[in-house]
Each structure stands twice: as C-alpha cells, then as structure tokens.
Amino acid sequence: MDRAQKEQLVDELGQIFESSGVVVVSHYAGLTVAEMQDLRAKAREAGGSVRVAKNRLAKIALEGKPCASIADLLTGMTVLTYSEDPVAAAKVAQEFAKGNDKFVILGGAMGENALDVAGVEAVSKMPSREELIATIAGMLGAPASNIAGAIGAPASNIASILSTIEDKAAA
C-alpha cells in the first residue's frame, strides 16, 4: 500500500469515526471468511457496516475525532462495526458475539462517550430508532382511538337496549 492509498484510507476512516453514532471494536482472530461475510451481511441488514483496518492508520484517523477514546482498544486483529443509528452496530456485534467465541468485543464509543464491554451490551439492549418512533406513534394514536371508543360506546349501548326491548315486545 503506497502513501496515497494510506492517506485515502485514513480519510475514509476519519469520515466513519465522524459520522457514526456508535463504533464497536472487536477482536476477530480465527474467524473464517464465511463467518466474516455473515457478520458483514447482518450489519448491512441493520444499517451498519464492518471494517477491518490497520490499527496504526485507524489511530491516525481517530486524532481529533469525538470517539478518539477507542484508540487504546486498537491492538491485535481488530474489526470495527459501526452505524449511524446509535444502537444498530452494538446489537449486531453483541448478537454475533453470542454465537461465535472467536469474536470478542473489546469496547467502543458512542459519540464522545467511551464504552466498555458492559456499555456495548447495555447499548445493544436499547430499542432502535425505528422501534422508538413506532412506540411514540402508537402513544400519539392511542388517545384518539380511546376518544372515538368513548363517543361510540353510548350509541352502541342505546342500540343494544332498543334491540332488547324489541325482542321482548316481539315475544
């Protein structure tokens, strides 16, 4: 890799560190190509990405970035799992680590906040942005349906009373 390629890689990594909601650093020693492709596919489905980069270049790219606290984690065979959604990458990494002993989460960063292994696990258990939006939309729609039910209830009660009276008169 020549100097121009290294500079381009540092720029790409810098943009990743700048724009990502969460970055999870893990060791991947011993993973097969198929397992790594599976991890990449799961990350892509969740709206995230997986990147293997040289630790020296990643440390250079981290300088001055909000998640610079993860520089100490970049030792050995590391892989970066990242996403704009602050929860997606942590969920993918945590789920993959459960099923694969060779994939070991070291920690990560959410913006300027450094995360240890327990922090990554806690973030992975949080609801995603889409789940939160759905919950809020459901809460906003619930009062309207309750009002409609309350308004419609007396009319249905009157209709059932009238029906009962008609049945008694007909009998």
Foldseek 3Di string as FASTA:
>chain_A
DDPVVLVVVLVVLLVQLAQFQKKWKKAQPPDDPVLVVVLQVQLVVLAKGKAWDQLVSNQVSLVPFLFNVCNVVSDDGMMMITHNWNASSLLSLVVSVVVDVSIGTAWIDRRNRTGGPVRSVVSNPDDTPVVVVVVVVVVVVVVVVVVVCVVCVVVVVVVVVVVVVVVVVVD
